[in-house]
Amino acid sequence: MIQIIPAITIKEGKVVKWEQGNAGKEHVYEGSPLDVAKRFEDAGLEVLHLVDLEGSMKGSPRNFHICEMLAGHTKLKIDFTGGINTDGDITQAFEFGASYITVASTALLNKNLFSTWVLSYGREKITLGADTLSDNIVIKGWQKSTNVNLFEHIRYFYNQGLKYVKTTDVARDGLMEGPSFELYKKIQEGFPNLSILASGGVRSIDDIKKLQDLGLFAVIISRALYEGKLHLKEIENLLIQKS
């Protein structure tokens, strides 16, 4: 069974979502981060992808206090991402309650440092964030494009024993028009021992089931949940079937 992971993106203390990484298309959702997280927990979900959007843009985490609050008041295992650039950032993230870390920009800008983190903290704890637009990596909260090929980037760390990669197709993210099934199939075929977390475009239980059929490890969902296209009750029912 594919793992279903809801996402909470934080900006100025609020739960938000940008379409295709575009700040001009920002959606702000009702409810505090804790209220939202508790709803996910009550539905039987176990892991939360927590995105520090300000940290991603500014280059250092800004919302460890949100991570601490969610870790302290729910049983969710938190995958923290956004602005992780130093050993100190990693240490603090774990001290503030994160169970896992996803790193994107630093993995591109300082490959040796990222490789050291995977070795030091263990490959179960560190996920490579490899987000893409037209098969090239994008970083800094998707605000900076690069000429680095997605598959070459993944392969570099795959050859060093990387276990987890989270890939968002930015062109699909926030549009609820369906995930990039062909992209994930290609990654799966190219890196058969990799556990892939798919993100972006999920709009229904059928999308989740199709990603599961591809053999992916996990799917990260957000806007479809917040806007009622995908209901927590549907996910509860799917989890019941799993058990």
Protein backbone atom coordinates (compact mmCIF):
# COMPACT_ATOMS: atom_id res chain seq x y z
CA MET A 1 0.00 0.00 0.00
CA ILE A 2 1.32 3.41 -0.95
CA GLN A 3 1.88 5.74 2.00
CA ILE A 4 -0.40 8.80 1.95
CA ILE A 5 1.27 11.93 3.31
CA PRO A 6 -0.59 15.24 3.66
CA ALA A 7 1.39 18.46 3.31
CA ILE A 8 1.17 21.68 5.25
CA THR A 9 2.96 24.67 3.74
CA ILE A 10 3.65 27.51 6.16
CA LYS A 11 3.95 31.19 5.32
CA GLU A 12 3.57 33.91 7.98
CA GLY A 13 2.09 31.33 10.33
CA LYS A 14 -0.70 30.40 7.93
CA VAL A 15 -1.42 27.34 5.84
CA VAL A 16 -0.96 28.27 2.18
CA LYS A 17 -0.55 26.80 -1.28
CA TRP A 18 1.06 28.30 -4.39
CA GLU A 19 0.02 27.12 -7.84
CA GLN A 20 3.07 25.97 -9.79
CA GLY A 21 5.30 27.74 -7.26
CA ASN A 22 3.80 31.08 -8.25
CA ALA A 23 3.53 33.56 -5.35
CA GLY A 24 0.93 35.49 -7.35
CA LYS A 25 -1.39 32.49 -7.16
CA GLU A 26 -1.43 31.99 -3.43
CA HIS A 27 -4.27 30.24 -1.65
CA VAL A 28 -4.62 30.80 2.10
CA TYR A 29 -6.62 28.18 4.00
CA GLU A 30 -8.67 28.43 7.15
CA GLY A 31 -7.52 26.82 10.36
CA SER A 32 -4.26 26.98 12.24
CA PRO A 33 -1.47 24.58 11.28
CA LEU A 34 -2.26 22.61 14.45
CA ASP A 35 -5.98 22.38 13.67
CA VAL A 36 -5.19 21.10 10.19
CA ALA A 37 -2.60 18.62 11.46
CA LYS A 38 -5.03 17.24 14.04
CA ARG A 39 -7.61 16.59 11.32
CA PHE A 40 -5.01 14.60 9.41
CA GLU A 41 -4.08 12.67 12.54
CA ASP A 42 -7.74 11.91 13.32
CA ALA A 43 -8.12 10.44 9.83
CA GLY A 44 -5.45 7.88 10.61
CA LEU A 45 -2.57 9.48 8.73
CA GLU A 46 0.83 9.04 10.32
CA VAL A 47 3.32 11.28 8.52
CA LEU A 48 3.13 15.00 7.72
CA HIS A 49 5.20 16.83 5.11
CA LEU A 50 5.83 20.26 6.65
CA VAL A 51 7.07 22.90 4.21
CA ASP A 52 8.74 26.02 5.58
CA LEU A 53 8.08 28.23 2.57
CA GLU A 54 9.83 31.26 4.05
CA GLY A 55 12.82 29.10 4.86
CA SER A 56 12.97 27.84 1.28
CA MET A 57 13.02 31.37 -0.10
CA LYS A 58 15.35 32.91 2.47
CA GLY A 59 17.85 30.09 2.74
CA SER A 60 17.43 29.19 6.40
CA PRO A 61 14.49 27.73 8.35
CA ARG A 62 11.98 30.19 9.81
CA ASN A 63 9.32 27.86 11.19
CA PHE A 64 10.96 25.42 13.58
CA HIS A 65 8.47 26.63 16.20
CA ILE A 66 5.62 25.29 14.04
CA CYS A 67 7.42 21.96 13.76
CA GLU A 68 7.84 21.88 17.54
CA MET A 69 4.17 22.66 18.11
CA LEU A 70 2.91 19.97 15.73
CA ALA A 71 5.35 17.37 17.08
CA GLY A 72 4.38 18.21 20.64
CA HIS A 73 0.60 18.15 20.18
CA THR A 74 0.13 15.32 17.66
CA LYS A 75 1.61 11.88 17.11
CA LEU A 76 2.40 12.67 13.48
CA LYS A 77 5.90 11.97 12.27
CA ILE A 78 7.06 15.19 10.65
CA ASP A 79 9.09 15.40 7.48
CA PHE A 80 10.50 18.94 7.64
CA THR A 81 11.69 20.80 4.57
CA GLY A 82 12.61 24.36 3.68
CA GLY A 83 15.90 26.20 4.03
CA ILE A 84 18.01 23.39 5.46
CA ASN A 85 21.56 24.47 4.60
CA THR A 86 23.86 23.69 7.52
CA ASP A 87 24.64 20.99 10.06
CA GLY A 88 23.10 23.29 12.64
CA ASP A 89 19.85 23.42 10.67
CA ILE A 90 19.71 19.63 10.62
CA THR A 91 20.41 19.37 14.35
CA GLN A 92 17.77 21.96 15.17
CA ALA A 93 15.16 20.33 12.96
CA PHE A 94 15.52 17.07 14.85
CA GLU A 95 15.63 18.87 18.21
CA PHE A 96 12.36 20.64 17.34
CA GLY A 97 10.65 17.34 16.68
CA ALA A 98 11.19 16.43 13.03
CA SER A 99 11.42 12.70 12.35
CA TYR A 100 12.70 13.15 8.81
CA ILE A 101 14.31 15.87 6.71
CA THR A 102 13.88 16.62 3.01
CA VAL A 103 16.67 18.66 1.44
CA ALA A 104 16.54 20.15 -2.05
CA SER A 105 18.62 23.29 -2.67
CA THR A 106 21.67 22.26 -0.61
CA ALA A 107 21.72 18.85 -2.28
CA LEU A 108 22.28 20.64 -5.57
CA LEU A 109 24.56 23.44 -4.38
CA ASN A 110 26.70 21.34 -2.03
CA LYS A 111 26.54 17.69 -3.03
CA ASN A 112 29.31 16.60 -0.68
CA LEU A 113 27.55 18.11 2.33
CA PHE A 114 24.27 16.39 1.47
CA SER A 115 26.06 13.08 0.99
CA THR A 116 27.66 13.53 4.42
CA TRP A 117 24.23 14.08 5.98
CA VAL A 118 22.87 10.88 4.46
CA LEU A 119 25.82 8.98 5.91
CA SER A 120 25.77 10.72 9.30
CA TYR A 121 22.04 10.65 10.02
CA GLY A 122 21.19 7.56 8.01
CA ARG A 123 19.39 7.15 4.73
CA GLU A 124 16.11 6.45 6.55
CA LYS A 125 16.15 10.02 7.89
CA ILE A 126 17.21 12.12 4.89
CA THR A 127 15.19 12.49 1.68
CA LEU A 128 16.45 14.11 -1.51
CA GLY A 129 14.09 16.81 -2.74
CA ALA A 130 14.42 16.76 -6.53
CA ASP A 131 11.72 19.04 -7.89
CA THR A 132 11.55 19.58 -11.59
CA LEU A 133 10.28 21.74 -14.41
CA SER A 134 10.75 20.34 -17.93
CA ASP A 135 13.10 17.67 -16.52
CA ASN A 136 15.46 20.24 -14.98
CA ILE A 137 15.91 20.80 -11.25
CA VAL A 138 14.38 23.89 -9.62
CA ILE A 139 15.46 25.13 -6.18
CA LYS A 140 14.93 27.92 -3.62
CA GLY A 141 11.23 27.24 -3.21
CA TRP A 142 11.00 26.70 -6.99
CA GLN A 143 11.97 30.31 -7.58
CA LYS A 144 15.30 29.47 -9.22
CA SER A 145 15.65 27.36 -12.36
CA THR A 146 18.78 25.37 -13.20
CA ASN A 147 20.19 23.46 -16.15
CA VAL A 148 20.74 20.35 -14.04
CA ASN A 149 18.92 17.31 -15.42
CA LEU A 150 16.59 15.62 -12.95
CA PHE A 151 17.73 12.09 -13.77
CA GLU A 152 21.44 12.90 -13.65
CA HIS A 153 20.91 14.61 -10.29
CA ILE A 154 19.09 11.61 -8.82
CA ARG A 155 21.62 9.17 -10.26
CA TYR A 156 24.52 10.92 -8.52
CA PHE A 157 23.06 10.20 -5.09
CA TYR A 158 21.44 6.89 -6.09
CA ASN A 159 24.91 5.56 -6.84
CA GLN A 160 25.87 6.50 -3.27
CA GLY A 161 23.04 4.52 -1.73
CA LEU A 162 20.26 7.12 -1.48
CA LYS A 163 16.97 5.52 -0.42
CA TYR A 164 14.31 8.27 -0.66
CA VAL A 165 13.58 10.93 -3.27
CA LYS A 166 10.66 13.35 -3.33
CA THR A 167 9.89 14.72 -6.78
CA THR A 168 7.35 17.39 -7.62
CA ASP A 169 6.55 18.27 -11.21
CA VAL A 170 6.13 22.01 -10.70
CA ALA A 171 4.12 22.33 -13.90
CA ARG A 172 1.44 20.15 -12.30
CA ASP A 173 1.60 21.33 -8.71
CA GLY A 174 -1.50 22.95 -7.28
CA LEU A 175 -3.55 22.55 -10.47
CA MET A 176 -5.34 19.32 -9.52
CA GLU A 177 -5.12 18.08 -13.09
CA GLY A 178 -3.47 14.77 -12.21
CA PRO A 179 0.09 13.76 -11.33
CA SER A 180 2.89 13.24 -13.86
CA PHE A 181 2.40 9.50 -14.08
CA GLU A 182 4.86 9.08 -16.95
CA LEU A 183 7.56 10.99 -15.06
CA TYR A 184 7.24 8.78 -11.99
CA LYS A 185 7.16 5.65 -14.12
CA LYS A 186 10.40 6.75 -15.77
CA ILE A 187 12.06 7.44 -12.41
CA GLN A 188 10.88 4.08 -11.08
CA GLU A 189 12.25 2.23 -14.08
CA GLY A 190 15.56 4.10 -13.98
CA PHE A 191 16.12 3.67 -10.24
CA PRO A 192 14.42 0.43 -9.19
CA ASN A 193 15.79 0.40 -5.63
CA LEU A 194 14.68 3.96 -4.88
CA SER A 195 11.66 4.79 -2.70
CA ILE A 196 9.84 7.54 -4.57
CA LEU A 197 7.54 10.14 -3.01
CA ALA A 198 5.30 11.65 -5.69
CA SER A 199 3.98 15.18 -5.27
CA GLY A 200 1.89 17.53 -7.35
CA GLY A 201 -1.43 17.38 -9.16
CA VAL A 202 -3.19 14.69 -7.12
CA ARG A 203 -6.96 15.21 -7.35
CA SER A 204 -8.63 11.92 -6.37
CA ILE A 205 -8.39 8.50 -4.77
CA ASP A 206 -8.06 7.09 -8.30
CA ASP A 207 -4.86 9.12 -8.78
CA ILE A 208 -3.50 7.67 -5.56
CA LYS A 209 -4.37 4.13 -6.64
CA LYS A 210 -2.71 4.66 -10.00
CA LEU A 211 0.49 5.87 -8.32
CA GLN A 212 0.29 2.81 -6.10
CA ASP A 213 0.01 0.59 -9.16
CA LEU A 214 3.27 2.12 -10.41
CA GLY A 215 4.91 0.82 -7.26
CA LEU A 216 5.69 4.18 -5.67
CA PHE A 217 6.52 4.43 -1.98
CA ALA A 218 4.40 7.47 -1.08
CA VAL A 219 2.21 10.28 -2.38
CA ILE A 220 2.12 13.80 -0.93
CA ILE A 221 -1.18 15.65 -1.20
CA SER A 222 -2.39 19.10 -0.20
CA ARG A 223 -4.73 21.30 -2.24
CA ALA A 224 -7.15 18.52 -3.16
CA LEU A 225 -7.64 17.89 0.56
CA TYR A 226 -8.02 21.54 1.49
CA GLU A 227 -10.55 22.28 -1.22
CA GLY A 228 -12.70 19.17 -0.86
CA LYS A 229 -11.77 17.41 -4.10
CA LEU A 230 -10.36 14.60 -2.02
CA HIS A 231 -12.00 13.84 1.32
CA LEU A 232 -10.30 12.58 4.44
CA LYS A 233 -13.10 10.01 4.78
CA GLU A 234 -12.04 8.49 1.44
CA ILE A 235 -8.51 8.21 2.74
CA GLU A 236 -9.74 6.69 6.00
CA ASN A 237 -11.62 4.06 4.03
CA LEU A 238 -8.52 3.31 1.95
CA LEU A 239 -6.43 2.93 5.10
CA ILE A 240 -9.04 0.59 6.60
CA GLN A 241 -8.86 -1.57 3.47
CA LYS A 242 -5.08 -1.59 3.84
CA SER A 243 -5.29 -2.88 7.40
